[in-house]
Amino acid sequence: MPKDATFDVVSKVDRQEVDNALNQASKEISQRYDFRGVGATIEWSADAIMMAASSEERVLAILDVFQSKLVKRGVSLKALEHGEPQASGKEFRLHASLKEGIEQAVAKKLTALVRESGPRSVKATIQGDELRVSSKSRDDLQETIALLKNADVDAALQFVNFR
C-alpha cells in the first residue's frame, strides 16, 4: 500500500533577512535629506522593532522605508504587525513586531478551505502552529498548494517538507 504524500504549511520569518532590511533602512534614513534633524531612528528593541522621530509623519515615513526594504528582500508584509505612532515626550514612537506561526483561527479557516474547495482525497490537520496536509496523490497536493497560495488569510504562508 503506498504511503501518503504530505507537506506542511508554516508561517515563519527569516530573521537574517529582516535584520538586513533593518540595517539597510537605518543606513538610508541616516543618509536621506528629509530625515536630517528629526531624530529619525530604527532599531531592534528586545524582540520588536522600534522606530522614532520628531513627528508622526516622519515615523510613518520610516515605516514605509522599512517596508520597502522588507519587500526587496522577499519578506512578506503580512508578517509585520504594527500599531499607530505614540507620542513619547518630544518624539513619536512606533513599535512593530514579527508574526510567526499560524494562529488557530487562521488554521481553522485554512482547513475548512481545503475541506470545501480542495480535492476530495486531501486531508488537513492542525499541529500546533503548523498545518499538515496529506493525500495519496501528489498532484492533488500541488493543486492544494495553488489553492492555499490564493487564499486571503492574514499570515505569510510557506510550504515545506513536501514528501
C-alpha atoms as a PDB file:
ATOM      1  CA  MET A   1       0.000   0.000   0.000  1.00  0.00           C
ATOM      2  CA  PRO A   2       1.540   3.377  -0.990  1.00  0.00           C
ATOM      3  CA  LYS A   3       2.363   5.832   1.732  1.00  0.00           C
ATOM      4  CA  ASP A   4       0.540   9.187   1.835  1.00  0.00           C
ATOM      5  CA  ALA A   5       2.357  12.221   0.441  1.00  0.00           C
ATOM      6  CA  THR A   6       2.415  15.244   2.760  1.00  0.00           C
ATOM      7  CA  PHE A   7       3.542  18.827   3.096  1.00  0.00           C
ATOM      8  CA  ASP A   8       3.460  21.365   5.922  1.00  0.00           C
ATOM      9  CA  VAL A   9       2.036  24.878   5.791  1.00  0.00           C
ATOM     10  CA  VAL A  10       4.000  27.186   8.088  1.00  0.00           C
ATOM     11  CA  SER A  11       4.387  30.900   8.724  1.00  0.00           C
ATOM     12  CA  LYS A  12       7.998  31.691   9.515  1.00  0.00           C
ATOM     13  CA  VAL A  13      10.170  34.757   9.005  1.00  0.00           C
ATOM     14  CA  ASP A  14      13.849  34.675   8.073  1.00  0.00           C
ATOM     15  CA  ARG A  15      15.304  36.796  10.904  1.00  0.00           C
ATOM     16  CA  GLN A  16      18.537  37.391   8.984  1.00  0.00           C
ATOM     17  CA  GLU A  17      16.624  38.936   6.065  1.00  0.00           C
ATOM     18  CA  VAL A  18      14.664  41.150   8.479  1.00  0.00           C
ATOM     19  CA  ASP A  19      17.912  42.211  10.156  1.00  0.00           C
ATOM     20  CA  ASN A  20      19.442  43.018   6.763  1.00  0.00           C
ATOM     21  CA  ALA A  21      16.356  45.047   5.783  1.00  0.00           C
ATOM     22  CA  LEU A  22      16.521  46.903   9.105  1.00  0.00           C
ATOM     23  CA  ASN A  23      20.211  47.731   8.568  1.00  0.00           C
ATOM     24  CA  GLN A  24      19.514  48.941   5.012  1.00  0.00           C
ATOM     25  CA  ALA A  25      16.618  51.103   6.221  1.00  0.00           C
ATOM     26  CA  SER A  26      18.767  52.550   9.015  1.00  0.00           C
ATOM     27  CA  LYS A  27      21.505  53.433   6.538  1.00  0.00           C
ATOM     28  CA  GLU A  28      19.032  55.064   4.135  1.00  0.00           C
ATOM     29  CA  ILE A  29      17.430  57.052   6.976  1.00  0.00           C
ATOM     30  CA  SER A  30      20.825  58.352   8.114  1.00  0.00           C
ATOM     31  CA  GLN A  31      21.675  59.494   4.564  1.00  0.00           C
ATOM     32  CA  ARG A  32      18.391  60.962   3.315  1.00  0.00           C
ATOM     33  CA  TYR A  33      17.962  64.732   3.409  1.00  0.00           C
ATOM     34  CA  ASP A  34      14.323  64.674   4.560  1.00  0.00           C
ATOM     35  CA  PHE A  35      15.310  62.737   7.711  1.00  0.00           C
ATOM     36  CA  ARG A  36      18.045  65.196   8.781  1.00  0.00           C
ATOM     37  CA  GLY A  37      17.392  66.933  12.097  1.00  0.00           C
ATOM     38  CA  VAL A  38      14.260  64.965  13.014  1.00  0.00           C
ATOM     39  CA  GLY A  39      15.979  62.358  15.212  1.00  0.00           C
ATOM     40  CA  ALA A  40      14.877  59.514  12.961  1.00  0.00           C
ATOM     41  CA  THR A  41      15.988  56.061  14.135  1.00  0.00           C
ATOM     42  CA  ILE A  42      15.032  52.450  13.567  1.00  0.00           C
ATOM     43  CA  GLU A  43      16.443  49.632  15.710  1.00  0.00           C
ATOM     44  CA  TRP A  44      15.758  46.327  17.419  1.00  0.00           C
ATOM     45  CA  SER A  45      14.155  46.784  20.829  1.00  0.00           C
ATOM     46  CA  ALA A  46      14.144  43.401  22.594  1.00  0.00           C
ATOM     47  CA  ASP A  47      12.142  41.218  20.185  1.00  0.00           C
ATOM     48  CA  ALA A  48      10.382  44.098  18.406  1.00  0.00           C
ATOM     49  CA  ILE A  49      11.406  46.871  16.042  1.00  0.00           C
ATOM     50  CA  MET A  50      11.233  50.434  17.360  1.00  0.00           C
ATOM     51  CA  MET A  51      11.041  53.474  15.085  1.00  0.00           C
ATOM     52  CA  ALA A  52      11.328  57.026  16.439  1.00  0.00           C
ATOM     53  CA  ALA A  53      11.257  60.550  15.002  1.00  0.00           C
ATOM     54  CA  SER A  54      10.190  64.062  15.975  1.00  0.00           C
ATOM     55  CA  SER A  55       6.866  63.949  14.090  1.00  0.00           C
ATOM     56  CA  GLU A  56       4.184  61.403  13.330  1.00  0.00           C
ATOM     57  CA  GLU A  57       4.657  61.802   9.560  1.00  0.00           C
ATOM     58  CA  ARG A  58       8.392  61.072   9.807  1.00  0.00           C
ATOM     59  CA  VAL A  59       7.749  57.892  11.835  1.00  0.00           C
ATOM     60  CA  LEU A  60       5.311  56.700   9.178  1.00  0.00           C
ATOM     61  CA  ALA A  61       7.922  57.549   6.519  1.00  0.00           C
ATOM     62  CA  ILE A  62      10.463  55.400   8.403  1.00  0.00           C
ATOM     63  CA  LEU A  63       7.919  52.548   8.408  1.00  0.00           C
ATOM     64  CA  ASP A  64       7.454  52.981   4.656  1.00  0.00           C
ATOM     65  CA  VAL A  65      11.223  52.818   4.040  1.00  0.00           C
ATOM     66  CA  PHE A  66      11.481  49.691   6.229  1.00  0.00           C
ATOM     67  CA  GLN A  67       8.554  48.007   4.451  1.00  0.00           C
ATOM     68  CA  SER A  68      10.106  48.701   1.042  1.00  0.00           C
ATOM     69  CA  LYS A  69      13.372  47.104   2.211  1.00  0.00           C
ATOM     70  CA  LEU A  70      11.470  44.047   3.501  1.00  0.00           C
ATOM     71  CA  VAL A  71       9.716  43.610   0.145  1.00  0.00           C
ATOM     72  CA  LYS A  72      13.017  43.863  -1.741  1.00  0.00           C
ATOM     73  CA  ARG A  73      14.453  41.129   0.498  1.00  0.00           C
ATOM     74  CA  GLY A  74      11.477  38.811  -0.079  1.00  0.00           C
ATOM     75  CA  VAL A  75       9.857  39.107   3.371  1.00  0.00           C
ATOM     76  CA  SER A  76       6.060  39.270   3.291  1.00  0.00           C
ATOM     77  CA  LEU A  77       4.492  42.365   4.843  1.00  0.00           C
ATOM     78  CA  LYS A  78       1.829  40.090   6.368  1.00  0.00           C
ATOM     79  CA  ALA A  79       4.489  39.033   8.870  1.00  0.00           C
ATOM     80  CA  LEU A  80       4.951  42.624  10.114  1.00  0.00           C
ATOM     81  CA  GLU A  81       2.476  43.822  12.710  1.00  0.00           C
ATOM     82  CA  HIS A  82       2.486  47.473  13.804  1.00  0.00           C
ATOM     83  CA  GLY A  83       0.243  49.912  15.610  1.00  0.00           C
ATOM     84  CA  GLU A  84      -0.175  53.667  15.452  1.00  0.00           C
ATOM     85  CA  PRO A  85       2.595  56.157  16.325  1.00  0.00           C
ATOM     86  CA  GLN A  86       2.566  57.087  20.017  1.00  0.00           C
ATOM     87  CA  ALA A  87       3.787  60.404  21.408  1.00  0.00           C
ATOM     88  CA  SER A  88       6.586  59.925  23.949  1.00  0.00           C
ATOM     89  CA  GLY A  89       7.884  63.236  25.231  1.00  0.00           C
ATOM     90  CA  LYS A  90       9.134  65.266  22.263  1.00  0.00           C
ATOM     91  CA  GLU A  91       9.256  62.315  19.885  1.00  0.00           C
ATOM     92  CA  PHE A  92       6.865  59.867  18.309  1.00  0.00           C
ATOM     93  CA  ARG A  93       7.497  56.126  18.523  1.00  0.00           C
ATOM     94  CA  LEU A  94       6.138  53.207  16.562  1.00  0.00           C
ATOM     95  CA  HIS A  95       6.621  49.606  17.649  1.00  0.00           C
ATOM     96  CA  ALA A  96       6.411  46.764  15.148  1.00  0.00           C
ATOM     97  CA  SER A  97       6.670  43.033  15.758  1.00  0.00           C
ATOM     98  CA  LEU A  98       7.078  39.956  13.597  1.00  0.00           C
ATOM     99  CA  LYS A  99       4.314  37.353  13.481  1.00  0.00           C
ATOM    100  CA  GLU A 100       5.413  33.748  13.277  1.00  0.00           C
ATOM    101  CA  GLY A 101       3.290  30.633  13.383  1.00  0.00           C
ATOM    102  CA  ILE A 102      -0.238  30.137  12.128  1.00  0.00           C
ATOM    103  CA  GLU A 103      -2.879  31.281  14.625  1.00  0.00           C
ATOM    104  CA  GLN A 104      -5.690  28.850  15.496  1.00  0.00           C
ATOM    105  CA  ALA A 105      -8.378  30.933  13.760  1.00  0.00           C
ATOM    106  CA  VAL A 106      -6.350  31.120  10.542  1.00  0.00           C
ATOM    107  CA  ALA A 107      -5.521  27.394  10.725  1.00  0.00           C
ATOM    108  CA  LYS A 108      -9.216  26.532  11.108  1.00  0.00           C
ATOM    109  CA  LYS A 109     -10.062  28.766   8.141  1.00  0.00           C
ATOM    110  CA  LEU A 110      -7.402  27.022   6.016  1.00  0.00           C
ATOM    111  CA  THR A 111      -8.573  23.514   6.972  1.00  0.00           C
ATOM    112  CA  ALA A 112     -12.165  24.492   6.136  1.00  0.00           C
ATOM    113  CA  LEU A 113     -10.999  25.866   2.774  1.00  0.00           C
ATOM    114  CA  VAL A 114      -9.141  22.626   1.974  1.00  0.00           C
ATOM    115  CA  ARG A 115     -12.165  20.550   3.036  1.00  0.00           C
ATOM    116  CA  GLU A 116     -14.655  22.591   0.966  1.00  0.00           C
ATOM    117  CA  SER A 117     -12.701  23.636  -2.129  1.00  0.00           C
ATOM    118  CA  GLY A 118      -9.782  21.230  -2.299  1.00  0.00           C
ATOM    119  CA  PRO A 119      -9.607  17.803  -3.928  1.00  0.00           C
ATOM    120  CA  ARG A 120     -11.572  15.076  -2.106  1.00  0.00           C
ATOM    121  CA  SER A 121      -8.550  12.939  -1.208  1.00  0.00           C
ATOM    122  CA  VAL A 122      -6.764  15.769   0.646  1.00  0.00           C
ATOM    123  CA  LYS A 123      -6.859  15.962   4.437  1.00  0.00           C
ATOM    124  CA  ALA A 124      -5.560  18.870   6.542  1.00  0.00           C
ATOM    125  CA  THR A 125      -4.757  18.640  10.253  1.00  0.00           C
ATOM    126  CA  ILE A 126      -3.626  21.326  12.678  1.00  0.00           C
ATOM    127  CA  GLN A 127      -0.377  20.544  14.510  1.00  0.00           C
ATOM    128  CA  GLY A 128       0.438  23.349  16.926  1.00  0.00           C
ATOM    129  CA  ASP A 129       1.235  26.433  14.863  1.00  0.00           C
ATOM    130  CA  GLU A 130       1.546  24.448  11.613  1.00  0.00           C
ATOM    131  CA  LEU A 131      -0.823  22.717   9.243  1.00  0.00           C
ATOM    132  CA  ARG A 132      -0.095  19.249   7.837  1.00  0.00           C
ATOM    133  CA  VAL A 133      -1.758  18.399   4.525  1.00  0.00           C
ATOM    134  CA  SER A 134      -1.763  14.805   3.279  1.00  0.00           C
ATOM    135  CA  SER A 135      -3.097  12.826   0.338  1.00  0.00           C
ATOM    136  CA  LYS A 136      -2.337   9.723  -1.685  1.00  0.00           C
ATOM    137  CA  SER A 137      -1.907  11.836  -4.837  1.00  0.00           C
ATOM    138  CA  ARG A 138       0.965  14.293  -5.197  1.00  0.00           C
ATOM    139  CA  ASP A 139      -0.967  16.087  -7.949  1.00  0.00           C
ATOM    140  CA  ASP A 140      -3.814  16.762  -5.506  1.00  0.00           C
ATOM    141  CA  LEU A 141      -1.288  18.214  -3.064  1.00  0.00           C
ATOM    142  CA  GLN A 142       0.091  20.554  -5.715  1.00  0.00           C
ATOM    143  CA  GLU A 143      -3.460  21.640  -6.519  1.00  0.00           C
ATOM    144  CA  THR A 144      -3.998  22.302  -2.799  1.00  0.00           C
ATOM    145  CA  ILE A 145      -0.818  24.416  -2.634  1.00  0.00           C
ATOM    146  CA  ALA A 146      -2.150  26.550  -5.501  1.00  0.00           C
ATOM    147  CA  LEU A 147      -5.483  26.877  -3.664  1.00  0.00           C
ATOM    148  CA  LEU A 148      -3.787  27.963  -0.410  1.00  0.00           C
ATOM    149  CA  LYS A 149      -1.493  30.445  -2.194  1.00  0.00           C
ATOM    150  CA  ASN A 150      -4.579  32.258  -3.475  1.00  0.00           C
ATOM    151  CA  ALA A 151      -6.335  32.164  -0.085  1.00  0.00           C
ATOM    152  CA  ASP A 152      -6.953  35.537   1.528  1.00  0.00           C
ATOM    153  CA  VAL A 153      -5.553  34.984   5.038  1.00  0.00           C
ATOM    154  CA  ASP A 154      -3.707  37.245   7.444  1.00  0.00           C
ATOM    155  CA  ALA A 155      -0.498  35.202   7.510  1.00  0.00           C
ATOM    156  CA  ALA A 156       2.599  34.787   5.342  1.00  0.00           C
ATOM    157  CA  LEU A 157       2.360  31.138   4.270  1.00  0.00           C
ATOM    158  CA  GLN A 158       5.253  28.897   3.245  1.00  0.00           C
ATOM    159  CA  PHE A 159       5.002  25.303   2.067  1.00  0.00           C
ATOM    160  CA  VAL A 160       7.740  22.986   3.363  1.00  0.00           C
ATOM    161  CA  ASN A 161       8.578  19.269   3.703  1.00  0.00           C
ATOM    162  CA  PHE A 162       6.846  18.163   0.505  1.00  0.00           C
ATOM    163  CA  ARG A 163       7.239  14.352   0.595  1.00  0.00           C
END
